[in-house]
PDB file of N, CA and C in Angstrom:
ATOM      1  N   THR A   1       4.373  14.446  13.111  1.00  0.00           N
ATOM      2  CA  THR A   1       3.830  13.518  13.120  1.00  0.00           C
ATOM      3  C   THR A   1       4.426  12.445  12.135  1.00  0.00           C
ATOM      4  N   TYR A   2       3.566  11.062  11.938  1.00  0.00           N
ATOM      5  CA  TYR A   2       4.207  10.118  10.737  1.00  0.00           C
ATOM      6  C   TYR A   2       3.255   9.485  10.354  1.00  0.00           C
ATOM      7  N   VAL A   3       3.074   9.100   8.828  1.00  0.00           N
ATOM      8  CA  VAL A   3       2.177   8.984   8.332  1.00  0.00           C
ATOM      9  C   VAL A   3       2.944   7.026   7.632  1.00  0.00           C
ATOM     10  N   THR A   4       1.499   6.506   8.205  1.00  0.00           N
ATOM     11  CA  THR A   4       1.757   4.957   7.805  1.00  0.00           C
ATOM     12  C   THR A   4       0.909   4.211   6.473  1.00  0.00           C
ATOM     13  N   VAL A   5       1.403   3.601   5.874  1.00  0.00           N
ATOM     14  CA  VAL A   5       0.709   3.091   4.819  1.00  0.00           C
ATOM     15  C   VAL A   5       0.774   1.448   4.989  1.00  0.00           C
ATOM     16  N   TRP A   6      -0.229   0.395   4.912  1.00  0.00           N
ATOM     17  CA  TRP A   6      -0.204  -0.848   4.679  1.00  0.00           C
ATOM     18  C   TRP A   6      -1.445  -1.459   3.928  1.00  0.00           C
ATOM     19  N   PRO A   7      -1.239  -2.624   4.112  1.00  0.00           N
ATOM     20  CA  PRO A   7      -2.317  -3.438   3.048  1.00  0.00           C
ATOM     21  C   PRO A   7      -3.263  -3.755   3.993  1.00  0.00           C
ATOM     22  N   ALA A   8      -4.842  -3.057   3.838  1.00  0.00           N
ATOM     23  CA  ALA A   8      -6.071  -3.156   4.757  1.00  0.00           C
ATOM     24  C   ALA A   8      -6.163  -4.342   5.679  1.00  0.00           C
ATOM     25  N   ASN A   9      -5.574  -5.416   5.374  1.00  0.00           N
ATOM     26  CA  ASN A   9      -5.932  -6.917   6.012  1.00  0.00           C
ATOM     27  C   ASN A   9      -4.902  -7.250   7.028  1.00  0.00           C
ATOM     28  N   GLU A  10      -3.650  -6.103   7.320  1.00  0.00           N
ATOM     29  CA  GLU A  10      -2.856  -6.338   8.458  1.00  0.00           C
ATOM     30  C   GLU A  10      -2.998  -5.295   9.285  1.00  0.00           C
ATOM     31  N   VAL A  11      -2.201  -5.614  10.445  1.00  0.00           N
ATOM     32  CA  VAL A  11      -2.216  -4.973  11.824  1.00  0.00           C
ATOM     33  C   VAL A  11      -1.221  -3.869  11.106  1.00  0.00           C
ATOM     34  N   THR A  12      -1.551  -2.534  12.097  1.00  0.00           N
ATOM     35  CA  THR A  12      -0.462  -1.576  11.435  1.00  0.00           C
ATOM     36  C   THR A  12       0.851  -1.932  12.065  1.00  0.00           C
ATOM     37  N   PRO A  13       1.405  -1.395  11.205  1.00  0.00           N
ATOM     38  CA  PRO A  13       3.008  -2.101  11.210  1.00  0.00           C
ATOM     39  C   PRO A  13       3.543  -0.267  12.180  1.00  0.00           C
ATOM     40  N   ASP A  14       4.572  -1.261  12.328  1.00  0.00           N
ATOM     41  CA  ASP A  14       5.435  -0.191  13.599  1.00  0.00           C
ATOM     42  C   ASP A  14       6.430   0.799  12.657  1.00  0.00           C
ATOM     43  N   GLY A  15       6.532   0.718  11.634  1.00  0.00           N
ATOM     44  CA  GLY A  15       7.667   1.846  10.880  1.00  0.00           C
ATOM     45  C   GLY A  15       6.512   2.615  10.338  1.00  0.00           C
ATOM     46  N   SER A  16       7.430   3.357  10.017  1.00  0.00           N
ATOM     47  CA  SER A  16       6.295   4.848   9.138  1.00  0.00           C
ATOM     48  C   SER A  16       6.872   4.926   7.478  1.00  0.00           C
ATOM     49  N   ASN A  17       6.492   5.845   7.296  1.00  0.00           N
ATOM     50  CA  ASN A  17       6.413   5.858   5.595  1.00  0.00           C
ATOM     51  C   ASN A  17       6.900   7.414   5.413  1.00  0.00           C
ATOM     52  N   LEU A  18       6.440   8.394   6.091  1.00  0.00           N
ATOM     53  CA  LEU A  18       6.409   9.799   6.302  1.00  0.00           C
ATOM     54  C   LEU A  18       6.825   9.845   7.425  1.00  0.00           C
ATOM     55  N   ASN A  19       7.771  11.440   7.482  1.00  0.00           N
ATOM     56  CA  ASN A  19       7.583  11.554   8.612  1.00  0.00           C
ATOM     57  C   ASN A  19       7.836  13.392   8.678  1.00  0.00           C
ATOM     58  N   PRO A  20       6.341  14.207   8.230  1.00  0.00           N
ATOM     59  CA  PRO A  20       6.906  15.166   7.905  1.00  0.00           C
ATOM     60  C   PRO A  20       6.745  15.974   9.477  1.00  0.00           C
ATOM     61  N   ALA A  21       7.349  17.276   9.200  1.00  0.00           N
ATOM     62  CA  ALA A  21       7.006  18.147  10.350  1.00  0.00           C
ATOM     63  C   ALA A  21       6.018  19.349  10.002  1.00  0.00           C
ATOM     64  N   ALA A  22       5.772  19.824  11.012  1.00  0.00           N
ATOM     65  CA  ALA A  22       4.404  20.618  10.976  1.00  0.00           C
ATOM     66  C   ALA A  22       4.857  21.434   9.870  1.00  0.00           C
ATOM     67  N   GLY A  23       3.648  22.029   9.323  1.00  0.00           N
ATOM     68  CA  GLY A  23       3.394  23.029   8.052  1.00  0.00           C
ATOM     69  C   GLY A  23       4.233  22.700   6.833  1.00  0.00           C
ATOM     70  N   GLN A  24       4.835  21.247   7.149  1.00  0.00           N
ATOM     71  CA  GLN A  24       5.619  20.569   5.479  1.00  0.00           C
ATOM     72  C   GLN A  24       4.713  20.486   4.709  1.00  0.00           C
ATOM     73  N   THR A  25       5.195  20.495   3.194  1.00  0.00           N
ATOM     74  CA  THR A  25       4.546  20.063   2.051  1.00  0.00           C
ATOM     75  C   THR A  25       5.537  18.814   1.753  1.00  0.00           C
ATOM     76  N   VAL A  26       5.186  17.978   1.761  1.00  0.00           N
ATOM     77  CA  VAL A  26       6.513  16.819   1.539  1.00  0.00           C
ATOM     78  C   VAL A  26       6.213  15.482   0.674  1.00  0.00           C
ATOM     79  N   PRO A  27       6.285  15.243  -0.988  1.00  0.00           N
ATOM     80  CA  PRO A  27       5.879  14.588  -1.893  1.00  0.00           C
ATOM     81  C   PRO A  27       6.706  13.285  -1.163  1.00  0.00           C
ATOM     82  N   ASN A  28       6.380  11.917  -1.489  1.00  0.00           N
ATOM     83  CA  ASN A  28       7.064  10.935  -1.130  1.00  0.00           C
ATOM     84  C   ASN A  28       6.101  10.094  -2.140  1.00  0.00           C
ATOM     85  N   ALA A  29       6.910   8.844  -2.521  1.00  0.00           N
ATOM     86  CA  ALA A  29       6.389   7.318  -2.854  1.00  0.00           C
ATOM     87  C   ALA A  29       6.281   6.068  -1.878  1.00  0.00           C
ATOM     88  N   VAL A  30       5.326   5.252  -1.649  1.00  0.00           N
ATOM     89  CA  VAL A  30       4.807   3.992  -0.839  1.00  0.00           C
ATOM     90  C   VAL A  30       4.700   3.308  -1.608  1.00  0.00           C
ATOM     91  N   LEU A  31       5.680   1.921  -1.893  1.00  0.00           N
ATOM     92  CA  LEU A  31       5.307   0.294  -1.831  1.00  0.00           C
ATOM     93  C   LEU A  31       4.635  -0.037  -1.267  1.00  0.00           C
ATOM     94  N   THR A  32       3.678  -0.252  -1.567  1.00  0.00           N
ATOM     95  CA  THR A  32       2.708  -0.857  -0.404  1.00  0.00           C
ATOM     96  C   THR A  32       2.350  -2.817  -0.443  1.00  0.00           C
ATOM     97  N   GLY A  33       1.646  -3.853  -0.358  1.00  0.00           N
ATOM     98  CA  GLY A  33       1.323  -4.807  -0.743  1.00  0.00           C
ATOM     99  C   GLY A  33      -0.408  -3.971  -0.526  1.00  0.00           C
ATOM    100  N   ILE A  34      -1.302  -4.794  -1.254  1.00  0.00           N
ATOM    101  CA  ILE A  34      -2.835  -4.848  -0.764  1.00  0.00           C
ATOM    102  C   ILE A  34      -3.135  -6.118   0.163  1.00  0.00           C
ATOM    103  N   SER A  35      -4.492  -5.760   0.172  1.00  0.00           N
ATOM    104  CA  SER A  35      -5.821  -6.884   0.883  1.00  0.00           C
ATOM    105  C   SER A  35      -6.066  -7.407  -0.295  1.00  0.00           C
ATOM    106  N   PRO A  36      -6.695  -8.574   0.091  1.00  0.00           N
ATOM    107  CA  PRO A  36      -7.309  -9.457  -1.026  1.00  0.00           C
ATOM    108  C   PRO A  36      -8.591  -8.634  -1.345  1.00  0.00           C
ATOM    109  N   ASP A  37      -8.796  -7.750  -0.607  1.00  0.00           N
ATOM    110  CA  ASP A  37     -10.308  -7.091  -1.160  1.00  0.00           C
ATOM    111  C   ASP A  37      -9.641  -5.907  -1.966  1.00  0.00           C
ATOM    112  N   LYS A  38      -8.324  -5.540  -2.471  1.00  0.00           N
ATOM    113  CA  LYS A  38      -7.517  -4.488  -3.134  1.00  0.00           C
ATOM    114  C   LYS A  38      -7.888  -3.348  -2.098  1.00  0.00           C
ATOM    115  N   ALA A  39      -7.696  -3.425  -0.835  1.00  0.00           N
ATOM    116  CA  ALA A  39      -7.425  -2.268  -0.045  1.00  0.00           C
ATOM    117  C   ALA A  39      -6.476  -1.896   0.599  1.00  0.00           C
ATOM    118  N   PHE A  40      -5.755  -0.583   1.032  1.00  0.00           N
ATOM    119  CA  PHE A  40      -4.759  -0.309   1.865  1.00  0.00           C
ATOM    120  C   PHE A  40      -5.444   1.084   2.978  1.00  0.00           C
ATOM    121  N   LYS A  41      -4.629   0.671   3.780  1.00  0.00           N
ATOM    122  CA  LYS A  41      -4.988   1.908   5.241  1.00  0.00           C
ATOM    123  C   LYS A  41      -3.933   2.782   5.081  1.00  0.00           C
ATOM    124  N   VAL A  42      -4.131   4.467   5.436  1.00  0.00           N
ATOM    125  CA  VAL A  42      -3.046   4.971   5.547  1.00  0.00           C
ATOM    126  C   VAL A  42      -3.487   5.940   7.267  1.00  0.00           C
ATOM    127  N   TYR A  43      -2.358   5.631   8.148  1.00  0.00           N
ATOM    128  CA  TYR A  43      -2.612   6.147   9.385  1.00  0.00           C
ATOM    129  C   TYR A  43      -2.099   7.679   9.463  1.00  0.00           C
ATOM    130  N   ASN A  44      -2.237   8.686  10.368  1.00  0.00           N
ATOM    131  CA  ASN A  44      -1.823   9.677  10.751  1.00  0.00           C
ATOM    132  C   ASN A  44      -1.710   9.878  11.927  1.00  0.00           C
ATOM    133  N   SER A  45      -0.407  10.051  12.099  1.00  0.00           N
ATOM    134  CA  SER A  45      -0.197   9.661  14.130  1.00  0.00           C
ATOM    135  C   SER A  45      -0.909  11.331  14.823  1.00  0.00           C
ATOM    136  N   VAL A  46      -0.765  12.300  14.171  1.00  0.00           N
ATOM    137  CA  VAL A  46      -0.589  13.488  15.058  1.00  0.00           C
ATOM    138  C   VAL A  46      -1.081  14.737  14.426  1.00  0.00           C
ATOM    139  N   GLY A  47      -2.415  15.147  14.765  1.00  0.00           N
ATOM    140  CA  GLY A  47      -2.813  16.518  13.686  1.00  0.00           C
ATOM    141  C   GLY A  47      -3.431  16.296  13.042  1.00  0.00           C
ATOM    142  N   THR A  48      -3.742  16.900  11.872  1.00  0.00           N
ATOM    143  CA  THR A  48      -4.431  16.931  10.897  1.00  0.00           C
ATOM    144  C   THR A  48      -3.639  17.105   9.270  1.00  0.00           C
ATOM    145  N   ILE A  49      -3.289  16.269   8.123  1.00  0.00           N
ATOM    146  CA  ILE A  49      -3.419  16.765   7.069  1.00  0.00           C
ATOM    147  C   ILE A  49      -3.632  16.210   6.034  1.00  0.00           C
ATOM    148  N   ASP A  50      -3.672  16.778   4.787  1.00  0.00           N
ATOM    149  CA  ASP A  50      -4.134  15.954   3.408  1.00  0.00           C
ATOM    150  C   ASP A  50      -3.099  15.152   2.956  1.00  0.00           C
ATOM    151  N   VAL A  51      -3.571  14.059   2.336  1.00  0.00           N
ATOM    152  CA  VAL A  51      -2.800  13.104   1.642  1.00  0.00           C
ATOM    153  C   VAL A  51      -3.590  12.840  -0.088  1.00  0.00           C
ATOM    154  N   LEU A  52      -3.047  12.808  -0.539  1.00  0.00           N
ATOM    155  CA  LEU A  52      -3.060  12.327  -2.137  1.00  0.00           C
ATOM    156  C   LEU A  52      -2.667  11.310  -2.420  1.00  0.00           C
ATOM    157  N   ALA A  53      -3.915  10.546  -2.603  1.00  0.00           N
ATOM    158  CA  ALA A  53      -3.340   8.768  -2.720  1.00  0.00           C
ATOM    159  C   ALA A  53      -3.695   8.475  -4.417  1.00  0.00           C
ATOM    160  N   ASP A  54      -2.139   8.018  -5.251  1.00  0.00           N
ATOM    161  CA  ASP A  54      -2.304   8.141  -6.529  1.00  0.00           C
ATOM    162  C   ASP A  54      -2.201   6.454  -6.849  1.00  0.00           C
ATOM    163  N   ALA A  55      -3.063   5.743  -6.981  1.00  0.00           N
ATOM    164  CA  ALA A  55      -2.609   3.878  -6.689  1.00  0.00           C
ATOM    165  C   ALA A  55      -2.725   3.448  -8.429  1.00  0.00           C
ATOM    166  N   VAL A  56      -1.218   3.236  -8.565  1.00  0.00           N
ATOM    167  CA  VAL A  56      -1.290   2.624  -9.963  1.00  0.00           C
ATOM    168  C   VAL A  56      -0.510   1.393  -9.877  1.00  0.00           C
ATOM    169  N   GLY A  57      -0.764   0.749 -10.869  1.00  0.00           N
ATOM    170  CA  GLY A  57       0.241  -0.378 -11.216  1.00  0.00           C
ATOM    171  C   GLY A  57       0.438  -1.459 -10.176  1.00  0.00           C
ATOM    172  N   SER A  58       0.615  -2.980 -10.610  1.00  0.00           N
ATOM    173  CA  SER A  58       0.409  -3.873  -9.939  1.00  0.00           C
ATOM    174  C   SER A  58       1.722  -4.507 -10.589  1.00  0.00           C
ATOM    175  N   PHE A  59       1.888  -5.906  -9.680  1.00  0.00           N
ATOM    176  CA  PHE A  59       2.806  -6.673  -9.427  1.00  0.00           C
ATOM    177  C   PHE A  59       2.127  -7.905 -10.436  1.00  0.00           C
ATOM    178  N   TRP A  60       3.501  -8.995 -11.010  1.00  0.00           N
ATOM    179  CA  TRP A  60       3.183  -9.774 -11.675  1.00  0.00           C
ATOM    180  C   TRP A  60       3.986 -10.944 -11.096  1.00  0.00           C
ATOM    181  N   LEU A  61       3.251 -12.097 -10.782  1.00  0.00           N
ATOM    182  CA  LEU A  61       3.887 -13.464 -10.154  1.00  0.00           C
ATOM    183  C   LEU A  61       3.938 -14.687 -11.238  1.00  0.00           C
ATOM    184  N   TYR A  62       5.464 -14.731 -11.940  1.00  0.00           N
ATOM    185  CA  TYR A  62       5.932 -15.462 -12.783  1.00  0.00           C
ATOM    186  C   TYR A  62       6.442 -17.027 -11.892  1.00  0.00           C
ATOM    187  N   PRO A  63       6.010 -17.936 -12.626  1.00  0.00           N
ATOM    188  CA  PRO A  63       6.482 -19.038 -12.112  1.00  0.00           C
ATOM    189  C   PRO A  63       7.949 -19.127 -12.129  1.00  0.00           C
ATOM    190  N   GLY A  64       8.408 -18.775 -13.336  1.00  0.00           N
ATOM    191  CA  GLY A  64       9.765 -18.796 -13.558  1.00  0.00           C
ATOM    192  C   GLY A  64      10.933 -18.228 -12.535  1.00  0.00           C
ATOM    193  N   THR A  65      10.216 -16.837 -11.848  1.00  0.00           N
ATOM    194  CA  THR A  65      11.059 -16.678 -10.945  1.00  0.00           C
ATOM    195  C   THR A  65      11.601 -17.398  -9.936  1.00  0.00           C
ATOM    196  N   ALA A  66      12.496 -16.788  -8.614  1.00  0.00           N
ATOM    197  CA  ALA A  66      12.554 -17.600  -7.634  1.00  0.00           C
ATOM    198  C   ALA A  66      11.381 -17.821  -6.748  1.00  0.00           C
ATOM    199  N   ILE A  67      10.758 -16.562  -6.644  1.00  0.00           N
ATOM    200  CA  ILE A  67       9.802 -16.773  -5.715  1.00  0.00           C
ATOM    201  C   ILE A  67       8.404 -17.246  -6.729  1.00  0.00           C
ATOM    202  N   GLY A  68       8.089 -17.033  -7.536  1.00  0.00           N
ATOM    203  CA  GLY A  68       7.393 -17.932  -8.615  1.00  0.00           C
ATOM    204  C   GLY A  68       7.348 -19.076  -8.515  1.00  0.00           C
ATOM    205  N   GLY A  69       9.010 -19.714  -8.976  1.00  0.00           N
ATOM    206  CA  GLY A  69       9.508 -21.011  -8.912  1.00  0.00           C
ATOM    207  C   GLY A  69       9.194 -21.812  -7.577  1.00  0.00           C
ATOM    208  N   ALA A  70       9.059 -21.198  -6.440  1.00  0.00           N
ATOM    209  CA  ALA A  70       9.336 -22.042  -5.210  1.00  0.00           C
ATOM    210  C   ALA A  70       7.596 -22.256  -4.866  1.00  0.00           C
ATOM    211  N   LEU A  71       6.716 -21.374  -5.213  1.00  0.00           N
ATOM    212  CA  LEU A  71       5.346 -21.357  -5.776  1.00  0.00           C
ATOM    213  C   LEU A  71       4.771 -22.780  -6.708  1.00  0.00           C
ATOM    214  N   ALA A  72       5.163 -22.249  -7.802  1.00  0.00           N
ATOM    215  CA  ALA A  72       4.938 -23.117  -8.912  1.00  0.00           C
ATOM    216  C   ALA A  72       5.323 -24.759  -8.262  1.00  0.00           C
ATOM    217  N   ALA A  73       6.299 -24.920  -7.905  1.00  0.00           N
ATOM    218  CA  ALA A  73       6.769 -26.222  -7.530  1.00  0.00           C
ATOM    219  C   ALA A  73       5.904 -26.613  -6.597  1.00  0.00           C
ATOM    220  N   ARG A  74       5.079 -26.083  -5.639  1.00  0.00           N
ATOM    221  CA  ARG A  74       3.838 -26.591  -4.617  1.00  0.00           C
ATOM    222  C   ARG A  74       2.271 -26.759  -5.634  1.00  0.00           C
ATOM    223  N   GLY A  75       2.939 -26.091  -6.622  1.00  0.00           N
ATOM    224  CA  GLY A  75       1.614 -25.935  -7.699  1.00  0.00           C
ATOM    225  C   GLY A  75       0.622 -24.831  -7.353  1.00  0.00           C
ATOM    226  N   THR A  76       0.756 -23.407  -6.833  1.00  0.00           N
ATOM    227  CA  THR A  76       0.347 -22.290  -5.916  1.00  0.00           C
ATOM    228  C   THR A  76       0.641 -21.207  -6.759  1.00  0.00           C
ATOM    229  N   ALA A  77       1.356 -21.432  -8.047  1.00  0.00           N
ATOM    230  CA  ALA A  77       1.991 -20.275  -9.221  1.00  0.00           C
ATOM    231  C   ALA A  77       1.298 -20.153 -10.252  1.00  0.00           C
ATOM    232  N   LYS A  78       0.245 -18.840 -10.671  1.00  0.00           N
ATOM    233  CA  LYS A  78       0.357 -18.959 -11.876  1.00  0.00           C
ATOM    234  C   LYS A  78       0.753 -17.536 -12.445  1.00  0.00           C
ATOM    235  N   ALA A  79       1.241 -17.599 -13.672  1.00  0.00           N
ATOM    236  CA  ALA A  79       1.523 -15.740 -13.829  1.00  0.00           C
ATOM    237  C   ALA A  79       0.404 -14.940 -14.404  1.00  0.00           C
ATOM    238  N   GLU A  80      -0.092 -14.349 -13.187  1.00  0.00           N
ATOM    239  CA  GLU A  80      -1.557 -13.704 -13.277  1.00  0.00           C
ATOM    240  C   GLU A  80      -0.634 -12.414 -12.040  1.00  0.00           C
ATOM    241  N   PRO A  81      -1.672 -11.399 -12.676  1.00  0.00           N
ATOM    242  CA  PRO A  81      -1.259 -10.040 -11.320  1.00  0.00           C
ATOM    243  C   PRO A  81      -1.770 -10.098 -10.235  1.00  0.00           C
ATOM    244  N   LEU A  82      -1.149  -9.432  -9.148  1.00  0.00           N
ATOM    245  CA  LEU A  82      -1.510  -9.601  -7.837  1.00  0.00           C
ATOM    246  C   LEU A  82      -2.491  -8.973  -7.286  1.00  0.00           C
ATOM    247  N   GLY A  83      -2.740  -7.868  -8.715  1.00  0.00           N
ATOM    248  CA  GLY A  83      -3.864  -7.208  -7.983  1.00  0.00           C
ATOM    249  C   GLY A  83      -3.722  -5.585  -7.716  1.00  0.00           C
ATOM    250  N   ALA A  84      -4.677  -5.118  -8.084  1.00  0.00           N
ATOM    251  CA  ALA A  84      -4.575  -3.568  -7.812  1.00  0.00           C
ATOM    252  C   ALA A  84      -5.100  -2.836  -7.151  1.00  0.00           C
ATOM    253  N   PRO A  85      -4.603  -1.869  -6.276  1.00  0.00           N
ATOM    254  CA  PRO A  85      -5.767  -1.282  -5.224  1.00  0.00           C
ATOM    255  C   PRO A  85      -6.812  -0.193  -6.242  1.00  0.00           C
ATOM    256  N   SER A  86      -8.138  -0.533  -5.576  1.00  0.00           N
ATOM    257  CA  SER A  86      -9.483   0.038  -5.942  1.00  0.00           C
ATOM    258  C   SER A  86      -9.578   1.442  -4.822  1.00  0.00           C
ATOM    259  N   VAL A  87      -9.273   2.632  -5.044  1.00  0.00           N
ATOM    260  CA  VAL A  87      -9.496   3.705  -4.095  1.00  0.00           C
ATOM    261  C   VAL A  87     -11.046   4.365  -4.741  1.00  0.00           C
ATOM    262  N   ASP A  88     -11.330   4.478  -3.838  1.00  0.00           N
ATOM    263  CA  ASP A  88     -12.963   5.380  -3.770  1.00  0.00           C
ATOM    264  C   ASP A  88     -12.388   6.604  -3.420  1.00  0.00           C
ATOM    265  N   ALA A  89     -12.401   7.582  -4.045  1.00  0.00           N
ATOM    266  CA  ALA A  89     -11.800   8.910  -4.374  1.00  0.00           C
ATOM    267  C   ALA A  89     -12.946   9.584  -4.536  1.00  0.00           C
ATOM    268  N   THR A  90     -13.993   9.346  -4.548  1.00  0.00           N
ATOM    269  CA  THR A  90     -15.218   9.986  -4.606  1.00  0.00           C
ATOM    270  C   THR A  90     -15.597  11.503  -3.803  1.00  0.00           C
ATOM    271  N   ALA A  91     -14.753  11.461  -2.655  1.00  0.00           N
ATOM    272  CA  ALA A  91     -14.780  12.592  -1.866  1.00  0.00           C
ATOM    273  C   ALA A  91     -13.558  12.691  -1.559  1.00  0.00           C
ATOM    274  N   PRO A  92     -13.121  13.652  -0.857  1.00  0.00           N
ATOM    275  CA  PRO A  92     -11.572  14.116  -0.591  1.00  0.00           C
ATOM    276  C   PRO A  92     -11.778  13.704   1.406  1.00  0.00           C
ATOM    277  N   ARG A  93     -11.427  13.323   2.052  1.00  0.00           N
ATOM    278  CA  ARG A  93     -11.080  13.472   3.108  1.00  0.00           C
ATOM    279  C   ARG A  93      -9.902  13.728   4.392  1.00  0.00           C
ATOM    280  N   ARG A  94     -10.148  14.497   5.027  1.00  0.00           N
ATOM    281  CA  ARG A  94      -8.804  14.730   6.468  1.00  0.00           C
ATOM    282  C   ARG A  94      -9.233  13.320   6.712  1.00  0.00           C
ATOM    283  N   LEU A  95      -7.434  13.181   7.129  1.00  0.00           N
ATOM    284  CA  LEU A  95      -6.758  12.392   8.194  1.00  0.00           C
ATOM    285  C   LEU A  95      -6.417  13.054   9.223  1.00  0.00           C
ATOM    286  N   GLY A  96      -7.132  12.743  10.391  1.00  0.00           N
ATOM    287  CA  GLY A  96      -6.464  13.635  11.783  1.00  0.00           C
ATOM    288  C   GLY A  96      -7.621  12.787  13.015  1.00  0.00           C
TER     289      GLY A  96
END
C-alpha cells in the first residue's frame, strides 16, 4: 500500500509519504501543510492500516526572511504562526 498526507483543502497529491509492505510496522514523520481550518487528510491506498497521528508544532512567517520579506513588500506578511492542526482524537479510526 501507500499512505499520503496533505492539507484538507487541497486535492490528493500524486506522491506518497509512506510505502509499507503487508504486515510491516513502519515509523515515519511527515511534514505537511494544513488547511485554513487547521485540518489535514490521510489516504491509504490498499487494505486496512492503523495510523497514529501526533500533530505538533507550527511555523512562523517573519517579514525579515526571503519569503516573509516578499510578502511584507506586498503588505501581506506579519510575524504570526501559520497554524497548528487541531486533530479530533476522541475515537480511534481504522483507515481502509
